[in-house]
């Protein structure tokens, strides 16, 4: 029932530069536009690919917990202001595209966890059929992601929530689906990125960077561009897998080294 990559319709938007999406730091609060005593916190959401027509998730809140500990007291959690709530199609958030969820100033200090709160209106589309995904109450109440970082006054911090669609959607025996979110969170200050373009561009390809510890993947967009964000420092094998119907072979590149804050440009990758 799942669709091939060439049938996945994506936004053609690609981020103009990776630096604009990354982490910036400045010692002067006025230059950085952050009020004295505050830090700037940005939370974005993107997608690790999934083999469906559409996957709509109902984002209702983004919360933070600033006190360390294992307590479950709801009073320890605070909603961020001006959260971009709404239903988002995760399969539009690939090829370098991300969805801004929050961009706020908070008092500098320790940040323990970030919590993504979902509502009940989550839908998967398979073969043009919309199917409501059962979302356990535990998932709706918020997926808690560990940060455990001291935020310094005048600095900007950006976190990327990489929503793994294939791992998050569980098929049941009666042709139903359950949403159990699996999210990889990256602090953009401590990671790099891999970008490039795949040719030919008249179909989609799956680009994956993998080593013993991490796997990061994305589809190309309508112009063949891709960006793998939130890549931890290390050495990776990068593979490009075209749609099976094209008859083209997978291409593999070994020993791609990524450092913190590096933007590695593989330029144009030609498939044969």
C-alpha atoms as a PDB file:
ATOM      1  CA  UNK A   1       0.000   0.000   0.000  1.00  0.00           C
ATOM      2  CA  UNK A   2       2.968   2.316   0.388  1.00  0.00           C
ATOM      3  CA  UNK A   3       3.981   4.700  -2.335  1.00  0.00           C
ATOM      4  CA  UNK A   4       7.274   4.833  -4.226  1.00  0.00           C
ATOM      5  CA  UNK A   5       9.590   7.779  -3.779  1.00  0.00           C
ATOM      6  CA  UNK A   6       8.691   9.288  -7.120  1.00  0.00           C
ATOM      7  CA  UNK A   7       5.083   9.729  -5.995  1.00  0.00           C
ATOM      8  CA  UNK A   8       5.990  11.666  -2.872  1.00  0.00           C
ATOM      9  CA  UNK A   9       5.148  15.329  -3.434  1.00  0.00           C
ATOM     10  CA  UNK A  10       7.431  17.707  -1.518  1.00  0.00           C
ATOM     11  CA  UNK A  11       7.919  21.408  -1.231  1.00  0.00           C
ATOM     12  CA  UNK A  12      10.660  22.598  -3.558  1.00  0.00           C
ATOM     13  CA  UNK A  13      11.907  25.031  -0.946  1.00  0.00           C
ATOM     14  CA  UNK A  14      15.517  24.499   0.191  1.00  0.00           C
ATOM     15  CA  UNK A  15      17.209  26.540   2.871  1.00  0.00           C
ATOM     16  CA  UNK A  16      19.429  29.141   1.241  1.00  0.00           C
ATOM     17  CA  UNK A  17      22.318  28.492   3.604  1.00  0.00           C
ATOM     18  CA  UNK A  18      22.982  26.039   6.380  1.00  0.00           C
ATOM     19  CA  UNK A  19      24.543  28.764   8.487  1.00  0.00           C
ATOM     20  CA  UNK A  20      21.224  30.576   8.629  1.00  0.00           C
ATOM     21  CA  UNK A  21      19.753  27.425  10.150  1.00  0.00           C
ATOM     22  CA  UNK A  22      22.600  26.772  12.560  1.00  0.00           C
ATOM     23  CA  UNK A  23      23.905  28.144  15.802  1.00  0.00           C
ATOM     24  CA  UNK A  24      25.205  31.644  16.368  1.00  0.00           C
ATOM     25  CA  UNK A  25      26.960  33.087  19.349  1.00  0.00           C
ATOM     26  CA  UNK A  26      27.772  36.633  20.351  1.00  0.00           C
ATOM     27  CA  UNK A  27      29.141  38.066  23.557  1.00  0.00           C
ATOM     28  CA  UNK A  28      27.367  41.400  23.137  1.00  0.00           C
ATOM     29  CA  UNK A  29      23.667  41.128  24.040  1.00  0.00           C
ATOM     30  CA  UNK A  30      22.751  44.223  22.031  1.00  0.00           C
ATOM     31  CA  UNK A  31      24.446  42.932  18.855  1.00  0.00           C
ATOM     32  CA  UNK A  32      22.717  39.610  19.252  1.00  0.00           C
ATOM     33  CA  UNK A  33      19.295  41.164  19.804  1.00  0.00           C
ATOM     34  CA  UNK A  34      18.806  39.282  23.086  1.00  0.00           C
ATOM     35  CA  UNK A  35      17.780  41.159  26.210  1.00  0.00           C
ATOM     36  CA  UNK A  36      20.254  41.199  29.064  1.00  0.00           C
ATOM     37  CA  UNK A  37      20.005  38.089  31.216  1.00  0.00           C
ATOM     38  CA  UNK A  38      18.178  36.100  28.529  1.00  0.00           C
ATOM     39  CA  UNK A  39      19.126  33.413  26.018  1.00  0.00           C
ATOM     40  CA  UNK A  40      17.398  32.848  22.681  1.00  0.00           C
ATOM     41  CA  UNK A  41      15.851  29.422  22.136  1.00  0.00           C
ATOM     42  CA  UNK A  42      14.733  28.166  18.720  1.00  0.00           C
ATOM     43  CA  UNK A  43      13.015  24.816  18.152  1.00  0.00           C
ATOM     44  CA  UNK A  44      12.486  23.414  14.661  1.00  0.00           C
ATOM     45  CA  UNK A  45      10.985  20.169  13.367  1.00  0.00           C
ATOM     46  CA  UNK A  46      12.088  18.148  10.348  1.00  0.00           C
ATOM     47  CA  UNK A  47      11.492  14.627   9.036  1.00  0.00           C
ATOM     48  CA  UNK A  48      13.444  11.453   8.529  1.00  0.00           C
ATOM     49  CA  UNK A  49      11.751   9.926   5.447  1.00  0.00           C
ATOM     50  CA  UNK A  50       8.761   7.631   5.573  1.00  0.00           C
ATOM     51  CA  UNK A  51       7.068   5.650   2.822  1.00  0.00           C
ATOM     52  CA  UNK A  52       3.567   7.142   2.933  1.00  0.00           C
ATOM     53  CA  UNK A  53       1.629   9.706   0.888  1.00  0.00           C
ATOM     54  CA  UNK A  54       1.241  12.151   3.792  1.00  0.00           C
ATOM     55  CA  UNK A  55       1.710  12.088   7.559  1.00  0.00           C
ATOM     56  CA  UNK A  56      -0.119  14.857   9.404  1.00  0.00           C
ATOM     57  CA  UNK A  57       0.754  15.508  13.056  1.00  0.00           C
ATOM     58  CA  UNK A  58      -1.176  17.771  15.404  1.00  0.00           C
ATOM     59  CA  UNK A  59       1.317  19.994  17.271  1.00  0.00           C
ATOM     60  CA  UNK A  60      -0.360  21.719  20.217  1.00  0.00           C
ATOM     61  CA  UNK A  61       2.489  22.922  22.421  1.00  0.00           C
ATOM     62  CA  UNK A  62       6.229  23.040  23.077  1.00  0.00           C
ATOM     63  CA  UNK A  63       7.197  23.075  26.750  1.00  0.00           C
ATOM     64  CA  UNK A  64      10.461  23.295  28.674  1.00  0.00           C
ATOM     65  CA  UNK A  65      11.637  22.051  32.054  1.00  0.00           C
ATOM     66  CA  UNK A  66      14.433  24.002  33.714  1.00  0.00           C
ATOM     67  CA  UNK A  67      14.789  22.010  36.926  1.00  0.00           C
ATOM     68  CA  UNK A  68      16.900  18.846  36.876  1.00  0.00           C
ATOM     69  CA  UNK A  69      15.477  15.725  38.441  1.00  0.00           C
ATOM     70  CA  UNK A  70      13.141  12.822  37.807  1.00  0.00           C
ATOM     71  CA  UNK A  71       9.959  14.355  39.195  1.00  0.00           C
ATOM     72  CA  UNK A  72       6.775  14.317  37.113  1.00  0.00           C
ATOM     73  CA  UNK A  73       5.212  17.414  38.674  1.00  0.00           C
ATOM     74  CA  UNK A  74       3.413  19.319  35.904  1.00  0.00           C
ATOM     75  CA  UNK A  75       4.228  22.594  37.655  1.00  0.00           C
ATOM     76  CA  UNK A  76       7.858  22.087  36.625  1.00  0.00           C
ATOM     77  CA  UNK A  77       6.907  22.478  32.959  1.00  0.00           C
ATOM     78  CA  UNK A  78       6.358  25.799  31.193  1.00  0.00           C
ATOM     79  CA  UNK A  79       4.843  26.407  27.758  1.00  0.00           C
ATOM     80  CA  UNK A  80       6.927  28.526  25.427  1.00  0.00           C
ATOM     81  CA  UNK A  81       5.270  31.689  24.153  1.00  0.00           C
ATOM     82  CA  UNK A  82       4.034  32.048  20.567  1.00  0.00           C
ATOM     83  CA  UNK A  83       4.385  28.362  19.672  1.00  0.00           C
ATOM     84  CA  UNK A  84       3.562  27.701  16.006  1.00  0.00           C
ATOM     85  CA  UNK A  85       0.769  25.223  16.694  1.00  0.00           C
ATOM     86  CA  UNK A  86      -1.077  23.411  13.920  1.00  0.00           C
ATOM     87  CA  UNK A  87      -1.207  20.295  11.762  1.00  0.00           C
ATOM     88  CA  UNK A  88       1.938  19.664   9.748  1.00  0.00           C
ATOM     89  CA  UNK A  89       2.630  17.178   6.992  1.00  0.00           C
ATOM     90  CA  UNK A  90       5.943  15.647   8.014  1.00  0.00           C
ATOM     91  CA  UNK A  91       6.629  14.452   4.484  1.00  0.00           C
ATOM     92  CA  UNK A  92       6.887  18.090   3.392  1.00  0.00           C
ATOM     93  CA  UNK A  93       9.758  18.576   5.854  1.00  0.00           C
ATOM     94  CA  UNK A  94      12.607  17.030   3.900  1.00  0.00           C
ATOM     95  CA  UNK A  95      15.158  18.112   1.302  1.00  0.00           C
ATOM     96  CA  UNK A  96      16.399  20.709   3.790  1.00  0.00           C
ATOM     97  CA  UNK A  97      12.979  22.090   4.760  1.00  0.00           C
ATOM     98  CA  UNK A  98      12.104  22.506   8.439  1.00  0.00           C
ATOM     99  CA  UNK A  99       9.143  23.858  10.397  1.00  0.00           C
ATOM    100  CA  UNK A 100       9.729  26.555  12.993  1.00  0.00           C
ATOM    101  CA  UNK A 101       7.900  25.636  16.219  1.00  0.00           C
ATOM    102  CA  UNK A 102       9.253  28.245  18.623  1.00  0.00           C
ATOM    103  CA  UNK A 103      11.667  31.175  18.614  1.00  0.00           C
ATOM    104  CA  UNK A 104      11.688  32.856  22.013  1.00  0.00           C
ATOM    105  CA  UNK A 105      13.821  34.452  24.676  1.00  0.00           C
ATOM    106  CA  UNK A 106      13.989  32.719  28.050  1.00  0.00           C
ATOM    107  CA  UNK A 107      15.973  33.497  31.210  1.00  0.00           C
ATOM    108  CA  UNK A 108      19.513  32.184  30.950  1.00  0.00           C
ATOM    109  CA  UNK A 109      20.208  29.099  33.052  1.00  0.00           C
ATOM    110  CA  UNK A 110      19.909  25.333  33.030  1.00  0.00           C
ATOM    111  CA  UNK A 111      17.580  23.703  30.468  1.00  0.00           C
ATOM    112  CA  UNK A 112      16.783  20.109  31.382  1.00  0.00           C
ATOM    113  CA  UNK A 113      14.199  18.934  28.812  1.00  0.00           C
ATOM    114  CA  UNK A 114      12.048  20.003  25.866  1.00  0.00           C
ATOM    115  CA  UNK A 115       8.580  18.521  25.503  1.00  0.00           C
ATOM    116  CA  UNK A 116       6.612  18.244  22.260  1.00  0.00           C
ATOM    117  CA  UNK A 117       2.875  18.025  22.969  1.00  0.00           C
ATOM    118  CA  UNK A 118       0.630  16.452  20.333  1.00  0.00           C
ATOM    119  CA  UNK A 119      -3.131  16.511  19.979  1.00  0.00           C
ATOM    120  CA  UNK A 120      -5.439  13.722  18.752  1.00  0.00           C
ATOM    121  CA  UNK A 121      -5.802  14.894  15.140  1.00  0.00           C
ATOM    122  CA  UNK A 122      -3.000  12.819  13.580  1.00  0.00           C
ATOM    123  CA  UNK A 123      -3.570  11.258  10.143  1.00  0.00           C
ATOM    124  CA  UNK A 124      -1.634   9.048   7.737  1.00  0.00           C
ATOM    125  CA  UNK A 125      -2.536   8.975   4.033  1.00  0.00           C
ATOM    126  CA  UNK A 126      -1.955   5.672   2.227  1.00  0.00           C
ATOM    127  CA  UNK A 127      -2.965   5.202  -1.423  1.00  0.00           C
ATOM    128  CA  UNK A 128      -4.953   8.449  -1.172  1.00  0.00           C
ATOM    129  CA  UNK A 129      -6.936   7.130   1.815  1.00  0.00           C
ATOM    130  CA  UNK A 130      -6.888   9.198   5.018  1.00  0.00           C
ATOM    131  CA  UNK A 131      -6.599   7.054   8.151  1.00  0.00           C
ATOM    132  CA  UNK A 132      -6.712   8.544  11.630  1.00  0.00           C
ATOM    133  CA  UNK A 133      -3.840   7.304  13.743  1.00  0.00           C
ATOM    134  CA  UNK A 134      -4.622   6.254  17.287  1.00  0.00           C
ATOM    135  CA  UNK A 135      -2.443   8.358  19.548  1.00  0.00           C
ATOM    136  CA  UNK A 136      -1.967   6.977  23.081  1.00  0.00           C
ATOM    137  CA  UNK A 137      -2.659   9.509  25.814  1.00  0.00           C
ATOM    138  CA  UNK A 138       0.943   9.174  26.976  1.00  0.00           C
ATOM    139  CA  UNK A 139       2.102  10.443  23.582  1.00  0.00           C
ATOM    140  CA  UNK A 140      -0.402  13.303  23.525  1.00  0.00           C
ATOM    141  CA  UNK A 141       0.736  14.462  26.957  1.00  0.00           C
ATOM    142  CA  UNK A 142       4.175  15.124  25.540  1.00  0.00           C
ATOM    143  CA  UNK A 143       7.294  13.441  24.255  1.00  0.00           C
ATOM    144  CA  UNK A 144      10.143  14.466  26.555  1.00  0.00           C
ATOM    145  CA  UNK A 145      13.540  15.090  25.001  1.00  0.00           C
ATOM    146  CA  UNK A 146      16.691  15.443  27.074  1.00  0.00           C
ATOM    147  CA  UNK A 147      18.701  18.673  26.709  1.00  0.00           C
ATOM    148  CA  UNK A 148      20.641  19.027  29.993  1.00  0.00           C
ATOM    149  CA  UNK A 149      22.531  22.133  28.947  1.00  0.00           C
ATOM    150  CA  UNK A 150      23.404  25.442  30.586  1.00  0.00           C
ATOM    151  CA  UNK A 151      22.126  28.319  28.438  1.00  0.00           C
ATOM    152  CA  UNK A 152      24.331  31.389  28.696  1.00  0.00           C
ATOM    153  CA  UNK A 153      22.984  34.950  28.613  1.00  0.00           C
ATOM    154  CA  UNK A 154      23.193  36.614  25.213  1.00  0.00           C
ATOM    155  CA  UNK A 155      23.646  33.352  23.316  1.00  0.00           C
ATOM    156  CA  UNK A 156      21.371  31.702  20.742  1.00  0.00           C
ATOM    157  CA  UNK A 157      20.547  27.993  20.911  1.00  0.00           C
ATOM    158  CA  UNK A 158      18.785  26.018  18.203  1.00  0.00           C
ATOM    159  CA  UNK A 159      17.421  22.487  18.541  1.00  0.00           C
ATOM    160  CA  UNK A 160      16.230  20.322  15.667  1.00  0.00           C
ATOM    161  CA  UNK A 161      13.557  17.668  16.284  1.00  0.00           C
ATOM    162  CA  UNK A 162      14.053  15.012  13.604  1.00  0.00           C
ATOM    163  CA  UNK A 163      10.784  13.041  13.417  1.00  0.00           C
ATOM    164  CA  UNK A 164      11.460   9.453  12.246  1.00  0.00           C
ATOM    165  CA  UNK A 165       8.252   8.641  10.348  1.00  0.00           C
ATOM    166  CA  UNK A 166       8.934   4.972   9.632  1.00  0.00           C
ATOM    167  CA  UNK A 167       9.769   4.260  13.274  1.00  0.00           C
ATOM    168  CA  UNK A 168       6.913   6.395  14.613  1.00  0.00           C
ATOM    169  CA  UNK A 169       4.010   4.786  12.741  1.00  0.00           C
ATOM    170  CA  UNK A 170       2.995   1.310  13.843  1.00  0.00           C
ATOM    171  CA  UNK A 171       0.610  -0.737  11.692  1.00  0.00           C
ATOM    172  CA  UNK A 172      -1.992  -2.807  13.551  1.00  0.00           C
ATOM    173  CA  UNK A 173      -3.544  -6.074  12.446  1.00  0.00           C
ATOM    174  CA  UNK A 174      -6.826  -4.499  11.296  1.00  0.00           C
ATOM    175  CA  UNK A 175      -5.287  -2.076   8.766  1.00  0.00           C
ATOM    176  CA  UNK A 176      -5.101   0.636  11.403  1.00  0.00           C
ATOM    177  CA  UNK A 177      -2.185   2.770  12.522  1.00  0.00           C
ATOM    178  CA  UNK A 178      -0.821   3.961  15.875  1.00  0.00           C
ATOM    179  CA  UNK A 179       1.403   7.013  16.283  1.00  0.00           C
ATOM    180  CA  UNK A 180       4.261   6.484  18.743  1.00  0.00           C
ATOM    181  CA  UNK A 181       6.685   9.321  17.980  1.00  0.00           C
ATOM    182  CA  UNK A 182      10.382   8.554  17.669  1.00  0.00           C
ATOM    183  CA  UNK A 183      12.363  11.783  17.532  1.00  0.00           C
ATOM    184  CA  UNK A 184      16.097  12.427  17.317  1.00  0.00           C
ATOM    185  CA  UNK A 185      17.006  15.798  18.803  1.00  0.00           C
ATOM    186  CA  UNK A 186      20.158  17.645  17.772  1.00  0.00           C
ATOM    187  CA  UNK A 187      21.707  20.776  19.233  1.00  0.00           C
ATOM    188  CA  UNK A 188      22.737  22.629  16.105  1.00  0.00           C
ATOM    189  CA  UNK A 189      25.779  24.132  17.871  1.00  0.00           C
ATOM    190  CA  UNK A 190      27.390  20.709  18.209  1.00  0.00           C
ATOM    191  CA  UNK A 191      26.639  19.226  14.802  1.00  0.00           C
ATOM    192  CA  UNK A 192      27.400  19.749  11.154  1.00  0.00           C
ATOM    193  CA  UNK A 193      25.540  19.228   7.905  1.00  0.00           C
ATOM    194  CA  UNK A 194      25.931  17.510   4.545  1.00  0.00           C
ATOM    195  CA  UNK A 195      24.416  19.036   1.414  1.00  0.00           C
ATOM    196  CA  UNK A 196      24.475  18.522  -2.313  1.00  0.00           C
ATOM    197  CA  UNK A 197      22.439  17.873  -5.424  1.00  0.00           C
ATOM    198  CA  UNK A 198      21.530  14.588  -7.111  1.00  0.00           C
ATOM    199  CA  UNK A 199      21.305  14.330 -10.917  1.00  0.00           C
ATOM    200  CA  UNK A 200      19.077  13.410 -12.770  1.00  0.00           C
ATOM    201  CA  UNK A 201      16.451  15.500 -11.003  1.00  0.00           C
ATOM    202  CA  UNK A 202      13.204  14.141 -12.501  1.00  0.00           C
ATOM    203  CA  UNK A 203      12.711  11.677  -9.638  1.00  0.00           C
ATOM    204  CA  UNK A 204      13.423  11.552  -5.923  1.00  0.00           C
ATOM    205  CA  UNK A 205      16.382   9.894  -4.264  1.00  0.00           C
ATOM    206  CA  UNK A 206      16.966   8.900  -0.664  1.00  0.00           C
ATOM    207  CA  UNK A 207      20.208  10.273   0.774  1.00  0.00           C
ATOM    208  CA  UNK A 208      21.571   8.662   3.920  1.00  0.00           C
ATOM    209  CA  UNK A 209      24.668   9.336   6.063  1.00  0.00           C
ATOM    210  CA  UNK A 210      25.558   6.441   8.348  1.00  0.00           C
ATOM    211  CA  UNK A 211      28.271   5.332  10.736  1.00  0.00           C
ATOM    212  CA  UNK A 212      28.373   2.951  13.693  1.00  0.00           C
ATOM    213  CA  UNK A 213      26.500   5.403  15.943  1.00  0.00           C
ATOM    214  CA  UNK A 214      24.207   7.532  13.785  1.00  0.00           C
ATOM    215  CA  UNK A 215      21.959   7.422  10.721  1.00  0.00           C
ATOM    216  CA  UNK A 216      20.636  10.662   9.207  1.00  0.00           C
ATOM    217  CA  UNK A 217      18.533  10.651   6.033  1.00  0.00           C
ATOM    218  CA  UNK A 218      16.438  12.874   3.775  1.00  0.00           C
ATOM    219  CA  UNK A 219      14.845  12.838   0.346  1.00  0.00           C
ATOM    220  CA  UNK A 220      15.933  15.175  -2.424  1.00  0.00           C
ATOM    221  CA  UNK A 221      13.537  17.974  -3.287  1.00  0.00           C
ATOM    222  CA  UNK A 222      11.969  18.706  -6.684  1.00  0.00           C
ATOM    223  CA  UNK A 223      15.254  20.214  -7.912  1.00  0.00           C
ATOM    224  CA  UNK A 224      17.421  17.346  -6.646  1.00  0.00           C
ATOM    225  CA  UNK A 225      18.790  19.276  -3.674  1.00  0.00           C
ATOM    226  CA  UNK A 226      19.236  17.796  -0.218  1.00  0.00           C
ATOM    227  CA  UNK A 227      20.521  18.824   3.201  1.00  0.00           C
ATOM    228  CA  UNK A 228      21.220  16.467   6.084  1.00  0.00           C
ATOM    229  CA  UNK A 229      21.016  18.607   9.221  1.00  0.00           C
ATOM    230  CA  UNK A 230      22.096  17.763  12.751  1.00  0.00           C
ATOM    231  CA  UNK A 231      24.942  15.440  11.748  1.00  0.00           C
ATOM    232  CA  UNK A 232      27.124  14.658  14.804  1.00  0.00           C
ATOM    233  CA  UNK A 233      30.871  15.034  14.256  1.00  0.00           C
ATOM    234  CA  UNK A 234      32.368  11.892  12.783  1.00  0.00           C
ATOM    235  CA  UNK A 235      33.173   9.953   9.618  1.00  0.00           C
ATOM    236  CA  UNK A 236      30.258   8.731   7.507  1.00  0.00           C
ATOM    237  CA  UNK A 237      29.350   6.646   4.520  1.00  0.00           C
ATOM    238  CA  UNK A 238      26.894   8.602   2.360  1.00  0.00           C
ATOM    239  CA  UNK A 239      24.597   6.634   0.059  1.00  0.00           C
ATOM    240  CA  UNK A 240      22.201   7.899  -2.606  1.00  0.00           C
ATOM    241  CA  UNK A 241      19.390   5.478  -3.476  1.00  0.00           C
ATOM    242  CA  UNK A 242      17.251   6.417  -6.510  1.00  0.00           C
ATOM    243  CA  UNK A 243      13.676   5.322  -7.059  1.00  0.00           C
ATOM    244  CA  UNK A 244      13.732   1.639  -7.970  1.00  0.00           C
ATOM    245  CA  UNK A 245      11.678   2.283 -11.116  1.00  0.00           C
ATOM    246  CA  UNK A 246      14.509   4.337 -12.660  1.00  0.00           C
ATOM    247  CA  UNK A 247      16.844   1.369 -13.029  1.00  0.00           C
ATOM    248  CA  UNK A 248      19.741   3.533 -11.826  1.00  0.00           C
ATOM    249  CA  UNK A 249      22.248   2.195  -9.331  1.00  0.00           C
ATOM    250  CA  UNK A 250      22.787   3.323  -5.767  1.00  0.00           C
ATOM    251  CA  UNK A 251      25.867   5.471  -5.287  1.00  0.00           C
ATOM    252  CA  UNK A 252      28.060   5.284  -2.205  1.00  0.00           C
ATOM    253  CA  UNK A 253      30.723   7.695  -0.911  1.00  0.00           C
ATOM    254  CA  UNK A 254      32.994   6.630   1.935  1.00  0.00           C
ATOM    255  CA  UNK A 255      34.975   8.531   4.554  1.00  0.00           C
ATOM    256  CA  UNK A 256      32.940  11.734   4.530  1.00  0.00           C
ATOM    257  CA  UNK A 257      34.275  13.632   7.547  1.00  0.00           C
ATOM    258  CA  UNK A 258      31.991  16.059   9.379  1.00  0.00           C
ATOM    259  CA  UNK A 259      33.097  18.321  12.212  1.00  0.00           C
ATOM    260  CA  UNK A 260      31.139  20.546  14.582  1.00  0.00           C
ATOM    261  CA  UNK A 261      29.575  23.444  12.656  1.00  0.00           C
ATOM    262  CA  UNK A 262      30.931  22.093   9.353  1.00  0.00           C
ATOM    263  CA  UNK A 263      28.795  22.424   6.224  1.00  0.00           C
ATOM    264  CA  UNK A 264      30.045  19.713   3.872  1.00  0.00           C
ATOM    265  CA  UNK A 265      29.055  20.309   0.244  1.00  0.00           C
ATOM    266  CA  UNK A 266      29.177  17.167  -1.903  1.00  0.00           C
ATOM    267  CA  UNK A 267      28.192  19.303  -4.896  1.00  0.00           C
ATOM    268  CA  UNK A 268      26.474  17.400  -7.741  1.00  0.00           C
ATOM    269  CA  UNK A 269      26.229  13.613  -7.458  1.00  0.00           C
ATOM    270  CA  UNK A 270      25.588  11.893 -10.791  1.00  0.00           C
ATOM    271  CA  UNK A 271      23.678   8.589 -10.846  1.00  0.00           C
ATOM    272  CA  UNK A 272      24.203   6.053 -13.611  1.00  0.00           C
END
